[in-house]
Amino acid sequence: MKQISETAIEKSLAFINGANDDMLNQKSEQYADNYETLVAYVFQTAAEDNDEELLGYLVYYYTLIMNIFETAGFQIPEVSDELIDAFHEEYLEIIEEFQDEENYSELSDFIGQPVLMSFLIQDMSMEDEDGQQIDEEMQSMLNMILIGLVGILNRAVNN
C-alpha cells in the first residue's frame, strides 16, 4: 500500500497556500468536476445545514487533500457510490468505537494513511497566522468528514 509522505503534504501546502485565487479556484473546480461523487459525500453536511463556515473549510481541505494525493503520485480513479457506501458503513462503526475509547491506532489502521490523518488532526487544532483557531465542534465535524475522505481515497487508489 502506497503511503502519503510528509514531503507530499508540505509541497501541497506550499502550493495551495501560495496560489492566487484564480489558480485555487481552477484547482478546486478541477477536483470537483472530476470527482462529483466525492464532492457530494464531502459537502453533504454543509449543504444540508446551509453552513457557510463549514463549507469554506471543506473547500480548502478537500482541495488540499486531493492535491496531496496528486502530488504523492496517486492516480485517483472515479469513486463509485458503492465504494463510498461500503466504506461509510464500516467507518461509522469505527468512529463509534473511537469515540468510546479514543483509540487512534484502530482508526489510523482503518483509514490507512497515518501521516496524512495525523497532519489533518494537528492542522485543524492549530491557530492560523491571524491567531484564530477552529472551535472544537467544527474541528470534530471536519475531522470526521475529512478523515473519511482520506479513507475513501486510500481505498480507491489501493484497490
N, C-alpha and C. Protein backbone atom coordinates (compact mmCIF):
# COMPACT_ATOMS: atom_id res chain seq x y z
N MET A 1 0.84 -1.17 0.00
CA MET A 1 0.00 0.00 0.00
C MET A 1 0.89 1.24 0.00
N LYS A 2 0.64 2.13 -0.97
CA LYS A 2 1.39 3.38 -1.05
C LYS A 2 0.93 4.33 0.04
N GLN A 3 1.89 5.04 0.61
CA GLN A 3 1.61 5.97 1.71
C GLN A 3 1.91 7.41 1.30
N ILE A 4 1.12 8.31 1.83
CA ILE A 4 1.35 9.74 1.67
C ILE A 4 2.54 10.12 2.56
N SER A 5 3.47 10.87 2.02
CA SER A 5 4.65 11.28 2.78
C SER A 5 4.49 12.71 3.29
N GLU A 6 5.30 13.06 4.27
CA GLU A 6 5.31 14.44 4.76
C GLU A 6 5.74 15.39 3.66
N THR A 7 6.62 14.94 2.78
CA THR A 7 7.07 15.77 1.67
C THR A 7 5.91 16.15 0.75
N ALA A 8 5.06 15.18 0.42
CA ALA A 8 3.90 15.46 -0.43
C ALA A 8 2.96 16.46 0.26
N ILE A 9 2.78 16.29 1.56
CA ILE A 9 1.93 17.22 2.32
C ILE A 9 2.52 18.63 2.29
N GLU A 10 3.82 18.73 2.55
CA GLU A 10 4.48 20.04 2.57
C GLU A 10 4.42 20.72 1.21
N LYS A 11 4.66 19.96 0.12
CA LYS A 11 4.59 20.53 -1.22
C LYS A 11 3.19 21.03 -1.55
N SER A 12 2.19 20.24 -1.19
CA SER A 12 0.81 20.65 -1.46
C SER A 12 0.41 21.86 -0.64
N LEU A 13 0.81 21.88 0.62
CA LEU A 13 0.53 23.05 1.46
C LEU A 13 1.14 24.31 0.86
N ALA A 14 2.39 24.22 0.42
CA ALA A 14 3.06 25.37 -0.18
C ALA A 14 2.33 25.81 -1.45
N PHE A 15 1.90 24.85 -2.27
CA PHE A 15 1.19 25.19 -3.49
C PHE A 15 -0.16 25.84 -3.19
N ILE A 16 -0.98 25.18 -2.36
CA ILE A 16 -2.34 25.67 -2.07
C ILE A 16 -2.28 27.02 -1.35
N ASN A 17 -1.42 27.15 -0.36
CA ASN A 17 -1.35 28.39 0.40
C ASN A 17 -0.68 29.53 -0.38
N GLY A 18 0.10 29.17 -1.41
CA GLY A 18 0.76 30.19 -2.22
C GLY A 18 0.02 30.53 -3.49
N ALA A 19 -1.02 29.80 -3.81
CA ALA A 19 -1.75 30.01 -5.06
C ALA A 19 -2.61 31.26 -4.98
N ASN A 20 -2.72 31.95 -6.13
CA ASN A 20 -3.65 33.09 -6.17
C ASN A 20 -5.08 32.54 -6.27
N ASP A 21 -6.05 33.42 -6.08
CA ASP A 21 -7.45 32.98 -6.05
C ASP A 21 -7.88 32.29 -7.34
N ASP A 22 -7.45 32.81 -8.48
CA ASP A 22 -7.84 32.19 -9.77
C ASP A 22 -7.29 30.77 -9.88
N MET A 23 -6.02 30.61 -9.52
CA MET A 23 -5.40 29.29 -9.61
C MET A 23 -6.06 28.31 -8.64
N LEU A 24 -6.36 28.79 -7.44
CA LEU A 24 -7.00 27.96 -6.42
C LEU A 24 -8.41 27.56 -6.86
N ASN A 25 -9.16 28.51 -7.41
CA ASN A 25 -10.50 28.20 -7.91
C ASN A 25 -10.45 27.19 -9.05
N GLN A 26 -9.48 27.34 -9.93
CA GLN A 26 -9.33 26.41 -11.05
C GLN A 26 -9.04 25.00 -10.52
N LYS A 27 -8.15 24.90 -9.56
CA LYS A 27 -7.80 23.59 -8.99
C LYS A 27 -9.00 22.99 -8.27
N SER A 28 -9.70 23.79 -7.48
CA SER A 28 -10.90 23.32 -6.77
C SER A 28 -11.95 22.81 -7.74
N GLU A 29 -12.19 23.58 -8.80
CA GLU A 29 -13.17 23.18 -9.80
C GLU A 29 -12.76 21.89 -10.52
N GLN A 30 -11.47 21.76 -10.79
CA GLN A 30 -10.97 20.54 -11.44
C GLN A 30 -11.27 19.32 -10.57
N TYR A 31 -10.97 19.41 -9.29
CA TYR A 31 -11.22 18.29 -8.38
C TYR A 31 -12.71 18.04 -8.18
N ALA A 32 -13.50 19.10 -8.22
CA ALA A 32 -14.95 18.95 -8.08
C ALA A 32 -15.55 18.31 -9.33
N ASP A 33 -15.16 18.80 -10.50
CA ASP A 33 -15.71 18.28 -11.76
C ASP A 33 -15.32 16.83 -12.02
N ASN A 34 -14.11 16.46 -11.66
CA ASN A 34 -13.61 15.11 -11.93
C ASN A 34 -14.09 14.07 -10.92
N TYR A 35 -14.57 14.51 -9.77
CA TYR A 35 -14.94 13.58 -8.70
C TYR A 35 -16.26 13.99 -8.05
N GLU A 36 -17.31 14.04 -8.85
CA GLU A 36 -18.61 14.52 -8.38
C GLU A 36 -19.17 13.71 -7.21
N THR A 37 -18.96 12.41 -7.23
CA THR A 37 -19.46 11.55 -6.16
C THR A 37 -18.77 11.89 -4.83
N LEU A 38 -17.47 12.11 -4.88
CA LEU A 38 -16.72 12.51 -3.67
C LEU A 38 -17.19 13.86 -3.17
N VAL A 39 -17.41 14.79 -4.08
CA VAL A 39 -17.88 16.12 -3.71
C VAL A 39 -19.21 16.01 -2.97
N ALA A 40 -20.11 15.20 -3.50
CA ALA A 40 -21.41 15.03 -2.85
C ALA A 40 -21.24 14.48 -1.43
N TYR A 41 -20.34 13.52 -1.26
CA TYR A 41 -20.09 12.93 0.06
C TYR A 41 -19.51 13.98 1.02
N VAL A 42 -18.50 14.70 0.57
CA VAL A 42 -17.79 15.64 1.43
C VAL A 42 -18.66 16.84 1.81
N PHE A 43 -19.41 17.37 0.87
CA PHE A 43 -20.13 18.62 1.10
C PHE A 43 -21.57 18.43 1.54
N GLN A 44 -22.01 17.20 1.72
CA GLN A 44 -23.40 16.92 2.07
C GLN A 44 -23.85 17.63 3.34
N THR A 45 -23.10 17.52 4.40
CA THR A 45 -23.49 18.13 5.68
C THR A 45 -23.56 19.65 5.58
N ALA A 46 -22.57 20.25 4.95
CA ALA A 46 -22.57 21.71 4.82
C ALA A 46 -23.75 22.18 3.98
N ALA A 47 -24.08 21.44 2.94
CA ALA A 47 -25.21 21.81 2.08
C ALA A 47 -26.53 21.65 2.82
N GLU A 48 -26.68 20.53 3.51
CA GLU A 48 -27.93 20.28 4.24
C GLU A 48 -28.17 21.32 5.33
N ASP A 49 -27.10 21.71 6.02
CA ASP A 49 -27.21 22.66 7.13
C ASP A 49 -27.06 24.12 6.67
N ASN A 50 -26.77 24.31 5.36
CA ASN A 50 -26.53 25.65 4.82
C ASN A 50 -25.48 26.37 5.67
N ASP A 51 -24.39 25.67 5.98
CA ASP A 51 -23.35 26.15 6.87
C ASP A 51 -22.17 26.69 6.04
N GLU A 52 -22.12 28.00 5.88
CA GLU A 52 -21.09 28.65 5.06
C GLU A 52 -19.69 28.46 5.64
N GLU A 53 -19.57 28.51 6.97
CA GLU A 53 -18.26 28.35 7.60
C GLU A 53 -17.72 26.95 7.33
N LEU A 54 -18.55 25.93 7.55
CA LEU A 54 -18.14 24.55 7.28
C LEU A 54 -17.80 24.39 5.81
N LEU A 55 -18.60 24.95 4.94
CA LEU A 55 -18.36 24.86 3.50
C LEU A 55 -16.99 25.44 3.14
N GLY A 56 -16.66 26.58 3.71
CA GLY A 56 -15.37 27.21 3.44
C GLY A 56 -14.20 26.32 3.84
N TYR A 57 -14.28 25.75 5.03
CA TYR A 57 -13.22 24.83 5.48
C TYR A 57 -13.15 23.59 4.58
N LEU A 58 -14.31 23.06 4.21
CA LEU A 58 -14.34 21.85 3.39
C LEU A 58 -13.74 22.10 2.00
N VAL A 59 -14.03 23.25 1.42
CA VAL A 59 -13.45 23.56 0.11
C VAL A 59 -11.93 23.58 0.21
N TYR A 60 -11.42 24.27 1.22
CA TYR A 60 -9.97 24.36 1.41
C TYR A 60 -9.35 22.97 1.61
N TYR A 61 -9.86 22.23 2.58
CA TYR A 61 -9.25 20.94 2.90
C TYR A 61 -9.50 19.89 1.82
N TYR A 62 -10.65 19.91 1.15
CA TYR A 62 -10.90 18.98 0.05
C TYR A 62 -9.86 19.20 -1.05
N THR A 63 -9.67 20.46 -1.42
CA THR A 63 -8.70 20.80 -2.46
C THR A 63 -7.29 20.39 -2.02
N LEU A 64 -6.95 20.67 -0.77
CA LEU A 64 -5.64 20.31 -0.25
C LEU A 64 -5.43 18.80 -0.27
N ILE A 65 -6.39 18.04 0.21
CA ILE A 65 -6.26 16.58 0.27
C ILE A 65 -6.13 15.99 -1.14
N MET A 66 -6.97 16.46 -2.05
CA MET A 66 -6.89 15.96 -3.43
C MET A 66 -5.53 16.28 -4.03
N ASN A 67 -5.03 17.49 -3.75
CA ASN A 67 -3.72 17.88 -4.26
C ASN A 67 -2.60 17.05 -3.62
N ILE A 68 -2.74 16.72 -2.36
CA ILE A 68 -1.74 15.88 -1.68
C ILE A 68 -1.67 14.52 -2.36
N PHE A 69 -2.81 13.91 -2.63
CA PHE A 69 -2.82 12.61 -3.31
C PHE A 69 -2.18 12.72 -4.69
N GLU A 70 -2.50 13.80 -5.40
CA GLU A 70 -1.93 14.02 -6.73
C GLU A 70 -0.42 14.22 -6.64
N THR A 71 0.02 15.05 -5.71
CA THR A 71 1.44 15.34 -5.52
C THR A 71 2.21 14.07 -5.15
N ALA A 72 1.57 13.19 -4.40
CA ALA A 72 2.21 11.93 -3.99
C ALA A 72 2.29 10.92 -5.14
N GLY A 73 1.68 11.26 -6.28
CA GLY A 73 1.77 10.38 -7.44
C GLY A 73 0.66 9.35 -7.55
N PHE A 74 -0.38 9.50 -6.74
CA PHE A 74 -1.51 8.58 -6.82
C PHE A 74 -2.37 8.92 -8.03
N GLN A 75 -2.83 7.90 -8.72
CA GLN A 75 -3.82 8.07 -9.78
C GLN A 75 -5.17 7.79 -9.14
N ILE A 76 -5.97 8.82 -8.98
CA ILE A 76 -7.25 8.66 -8.30
C ILE A 76 -8.30 8.27 -9.34
N PRO A 77 -8.83 7.05 -9.23
CA PRO A 77 -9.85 6.63 -10.18
C PRO A 77 -11.20 7.27 -9.83
N GLU A 78 -12.17 7.12 -10.72
CA GLU A 78 -13.51 7.56 -10.39
C GLU A 78 -13.98 6.76 -9.18
N VAL A 79 -14.58 7.44 -8.24
CA VAL A 79 -15.02 6.80 -7.00
C VAL A 79 -16.53 6.57 -7.09
N SER A 80 -16.94 5.33 -6.93
CA SER A 80 -18.35 4.98 -7.07
C SER A 80 -19.12 5.19 -5.78
N ASP A 81 -20.44 5.33 -5.95
CA ASP A 81 -21.32 5.40 -4.78
C ASP A 81 -21.20 4.13 -3.95
N GLU A 82 -21.02 3.01 -4.60
CA GLU A 82 -20.91 1.72 -3.89
C GLU A 82 -19.69 1.69 -2.99
N LEU A 83 -18.56 2.19 -3.50
CA LEU A 83 -17.34 2.23 -2.68
C LEU A 83 -17.56 3.14 -1.48
N ILE A 84 -18.15 4.30 -1.72
CA ILE A 84 -18.40 5.25 -0.62
C ILE A 84 -19.35 4.65 0.41
N ASP A 85 -20.44 4.04 -0.05
CA ASP A 85 -21.42 3.45 0.87
C ASP A 85 -20.80 2.34 1.71
N ALA A 86 -20.03 1.45 1.07
CA ALA A 86 -19.40 0.35 1.80
C ALA A 86 -18.41 0.89 2.83
N PHE A 87 -17.61 1.88 2.42
CA PHE A 87 -16.66 2.48 3.34
C PHE A 87 -17.38 3.15 4.50
N HIS A 88 -18.38 3.96 4.17
CA HIS A 88 -19.07 4.77 5.18
C HIS A 88 -19.73 3.91 6.26
N GLU A 89 -20.29 2.80 5.86
CA GLU A 89 -20.92 1.89 6.84
C GLU A 89 -19.90 1.39 7.85
N GLU A 90 -18.75 0.94 7.37
CA GLU A 90 -17.67 0.48 8.27
C GLU A 90 -17.11 1.64 9.08
N TYR A 91 -16.96 2.79 8.43
CA TYR A 91 -16.38 3.97 9.06
C TYR A 91 -17.20 4.42 10.26
N LEU A 92 -18.52 4.40 10.13
CA LEU A 92 -19.37 4.81 11.25
C LEU A 92 -19.16 3.91 12.46
N GLU A 93 -18.98 2.61 12.22
CA GLU A 93 -18.71 1.68 13.33
C GLU A 93 -17.37 2.00 14.00
N ILE A 94 -16.35 2.24 13.19
CA ILE A 94 -15.02 2.56 13.72
C ILE A 94 -15.06 3.88 14.49
N ILE A 95 -15.76 4.88 13.95
CA ILE A 95 -15.88 6.18 14.62
C ILE A 95 -16.57 6.03 15.97
N GLU A 96 -17.61 5.21 16.00
CA GLU A 96 -18.33 4.99 17.27
C GLU A 96 -17.40 4.36 18.30
N GLU A 97 -16.63 3.37 17.89
CA GLU A 97 -15.66 2.74 18.80
C GLU A 97 -14.59 3.75 19.20
N PHE A 98 -14.15 4.56 18.24
CA PHE A 98 -13.12 5.56 18.52
C PHE A 98 -13.60 6.55 19.57
N GLN A 99 -14.84 7.01 19.44
CA GLN A 99 -15.38 7.99 20.39
C GLN A 99 -15.49 7.39 21.79
N ASP A 100 -15.74 6.09 21.88
CA ASP A 100 -15.82 5.44 23.18
C ASP A 100 -14.44 5.28 23.81
N GLU A 101 -13.47 4.87 23.00
CA GLU A 101 -12.14 4.51 23.52
C GLU A 101 -11.03 5.49 23.16
N GLU A 102 -11.28 6.37 22.18
CA GLU A 102 -10.26 7.27 21.64
C GLU A 102 -8.98 6.52 21.30
N ASN A 103 -9.14 5.41 20.58
CA ASN A 103 -8.03 4.60 20.15
C ASN A 103 -7.64 5.00 18.72
N TYR A 104 -6.63 5.87 18.62
CA TYR A 104 -6.20 6.37 17.31
C TYR A 104 -5.63 5.28 16.43
N SER A 105 -4.99 4.28 17.01
CA SER A 105 -4.34 3.26 16.19
C SER A 105 -5.35 2.46 15.37
N GLU A 106 -6.49 2.14 15.94
CA GLU A 106 -7.51 1.40 15.20
C GLU A 106 -8.08 2.26 14.07
N LEU A 107 -8.36 3.52 14.36
CA LEU A 107 -8.86 4.43 13.34
C LEU A 107 -7.82 4.64 12.25
N SER A 108 -6.58 4.83 12.65
CA SER A 108 -5.48 5.02 11.70
C SER A 108 -5.30 3.80 10.81
N ASP A 109 -5.36 2.61 11.39
CA ASP A 109 -5.24 1.37 10.61
C ASP A 109 -6.37 1.26 9.59
N PHE A 110 -7.57 1.62 10.00
CA PHE A 110 -8.73 1.53 9.11
C PHE A 110 -8.59 2.52 7.95
N ILE A 111 -8.16 3.74 8.23
CA ILE A 111 -8.03 4.77 7.20
C ILE A 111 -6.86 4.45 6.28
N GLY A 112 -5.75 3.99 6.84
CA GLY A 112 -4.63 3.54 6.03
C GLY A 112 -3.65 4.62 5.60
N GLN A 113 -3.80 5.83 6.08
CA GLN A 113 -2.87 6.92 5.76
C GLN A 113 -2.54 7.68 7.05
N PRO A 114 -1.73 7.08 7.92
CA PRO A 114 -1.50 7.68 9.25
C PRO A 114 -0.82 9.04 9.21
N VAL A 115 0.09 9.28 8.28
CA VAL A 115 0.79 10.57 8.23
C VAL A 115 -0.19 11.68 7.86
N LEU A 116 -1.02 11.43 6.86
CA LEU A 116 -1.99 12.43 6.43
C LEU A 116 -3.06 12.64 7.50
N MET A 117 -3.52 11.57 8.10
CA MET A 117 -4.53 11.68 9.14
C MET A 117 -4.00 12.50 10.32
N SER A 118 -2.80 12.22 10.73
CA SER A 118 -2.18 12.96 11.83
C SER A 118 -2.02 14.44 11.47
N PHE A 119 -1.58 14.71 10.24
CA PHE A 119 -1.44 16.09 9.80
C PHE A 119 -2.77 16.83 9.89
N LEU A 120 -3.85 16.22 9.39
CA LEU A 120 -5.15 16.88 9.39
C LEU A 120 -5.61 17.21 10.80
N ILE A 121 -5.51 16.26 11.69
CA ILE A 121 -5.94 16.48 13.08
C ILE A 121 -5.13 17.61 13.70
N GLN A 122 -3.84 17.59 13.47
CA GLN A 122 -2.95 18.61 14.05
C GLN A 122 -3.22 19.98 13.41
N ASP A 123 -3.35 20.02 12.08
CA ASP A 123 -3.54 21.28 11.38
C ASP A 123 -4.82 21.98 11.81
N MET A 124 -5.88 21.21 11.97
CA MET A 124 -7.17 21.81 12.34
C MET A 124 -7.19 22.31 13.78
N SER A 125 -6.30 21.79 14.61
CA SER A 125 -6.31 22.20 16.01
C SER A 125 -5.37 23.39 16.28
N MET A 126 -4.58 23.76 15.29
CA MET A 126 -3.62 24.85 15.47
C MET A 126 -4.23 26.20 15.15
N GLU A 127 -3.65 27.25 15.71
CA GLU A 127 -4.04 28.61 15.37
C GLU A 127 -3.51 28.95 13.98
N ASP A 128 -4.28 29.75 13.22
CA ASP A 128 -3.79 30.19 11.93
C ASP A 128 -2.87 31.40 12.10
N GLU A 129 -2.42 31.99 10.99
CA GLU A 129 -1.47 33.11 11.07
C GLU A 129 -2.07 34.34 11.74
N ASP A 130 -3.40 34.40 11.81
CA ASP A 130 -4.07 35.53 12.48
C ASP A 130 -4.37 35.23 13.95
N GLY A 131 -3.95 34.06 14.43
CA GLY A 131 -4.20 33.70 15.82
C GLY A 131 -5.58 33.10 16.06
N GLN A 132 -6.31 32.82 14.99
CA GLN A 132 -7.64 32.23 15.10
C GLN A 132 -7.54 30.71 15.14
N GLN A 133 -8.47 30.10 15.84
CA GLN A 133 -8.49 28.64 15.94
C GLN A 133 -9.90 28.15 15.67
N ILE A 134 -9.99 27.03 14.99
CA ILE A 134 -11.29 26.41 14.70
C ILE A 134 -11.85 25.88 16.02
N ASP A 135 -13.13 26.18 16.31
CA ASP A 135 -13.70 25.72 17.57
C ASP A 135 -13.83 24.19 17.57
N GLU A 136 -13.92 23.62 18.76
CA GLU A 136 -13.87 22.15 18.93
C GLU A 136 -14.98 21.42 18.17
N GLU A 137 -16.18 21.98 18.18
CA GLU A 137 -17.29 21.32 17.48
C GLU A 137 -17.03 21.26 15.97
N MET A 138 -16.52 22.36 15.41
CA MET A 138 -16.20 22.41 13.98
C MET A 138 -15.03 21.47 13.69
N GLN A 139 -14.02 21.44 14.56
CA GLN A 139 -12.90 20.52 14.37
C GLN A 139 -13.38 19.08 14.31
N SER A 140 -14.27 18.74 15.22
CA SER A 140 -14.80 17.38 15.29
C SER A 140 -15.52 17.01 13.99
N MET A 141 -16.35 17.93 13.50
CA MET A 141 -17.08 17.67 12.27
C MET A 141 -16.13 17.56 11.08
N LEU A 142 -15.17 18.48 10.99
CA LEU A 142 -14.19 18.44 9.91
C LEU A 142 -13.37 17.15 9.95
N ASN A 143 -12.93 16.78 11.14
CA ASN A 143 -12.15 15.55 11.27
C ASN A 143 -12.94 14.34 10.77
N MET A 144 -14.18 14.24 11.16
CA MET A 144 -14.99 13.09 10.75
C MET A 144 -15.15 13.04 9.23
N ILE A 145 -15.48 14.17 8.64
CA ILE A 145 -15.70 14.22 7.19
C ILE A 145 -14.40 14.00 6.43
N LEU A 146 -13.36 14.72 6.80
CA LEU A 146 -12.12 14.70 6.02
C LEU A 146 -11.31 13.43 6.23
N ILE A 147 -11.32 12.88 7.42
CA ILE A 147 -10.64 11.60 7.63
C ILE A 147 -11.37 10.52 6.84
N GLY A 148 -12.69 10.61 6.77
CA GLY A 148 -13.46 9.70 5.93
C GLY A 148 -13.06 9.84 4.47
N LEU A 149 -12.90 11.07 4.00
CA LEU A 149 -12.45 11.30 2.62
C LEU A 149 -11.10 10.64 2.37
N VAL A 150 -10.17 10.79 3.29
CA VAL A 150 -8.85 10.18 3.15
C VAL A 150 -8.98 8.65 3.06
N GLY A 151 -9.83 8.08 3.91
CA GLY A 151 -10.04 6.63 3.86
C GLY A 151 -10.63 6.16 2.54
N ILE A 152 -11.59 6.91 2.01
CA ILE A 152 -12.18 6.56 0.71
C ILE A 152 -11.15 6.65 -0.39
N LEU A 153 -10.38 7.75 -0.41
CA LEU A 153 -9.35 7.90 -1.43
C LEU A 153 -8.30 6.79 -1.32
N ASN A 154 -7.93 6.45 -0.09
CA ASN A 154 -6.94 5.40 0.10
C ASN A 154 -7.46 4.07 -0.47
N ARG A 155 -8.71 3.75 -0.21
CA ARG A 155 -9.28 2.52 -0.77
C ARG A 155 -9.32 2.58 -2.30
N ALA A 156 -9.71 3.71 -2.82
CA ALA A 156 -9.84 3.86 -4.27
C ALA A 156 -8.51 3.68 -4.98
N VAL A 157 -7.46 4.26 -4.44
CA VAL A 157 -6.16 4.19 -5.12
C VAL A 157 -5.39 2.90 -4.85
N ASN A 158 -5.75 2.20 -3.80
CA ASN A 158 -5.03 0.96 -3.46
C ASN A 158 -5.79 -0.30 -3.80
N ASN A 159 -6.91 -0.18 -4.48
CA ASN A 159 -7.66 -1.38 -4.88
C ASN A 159 -7.36 -1.75 -6.31
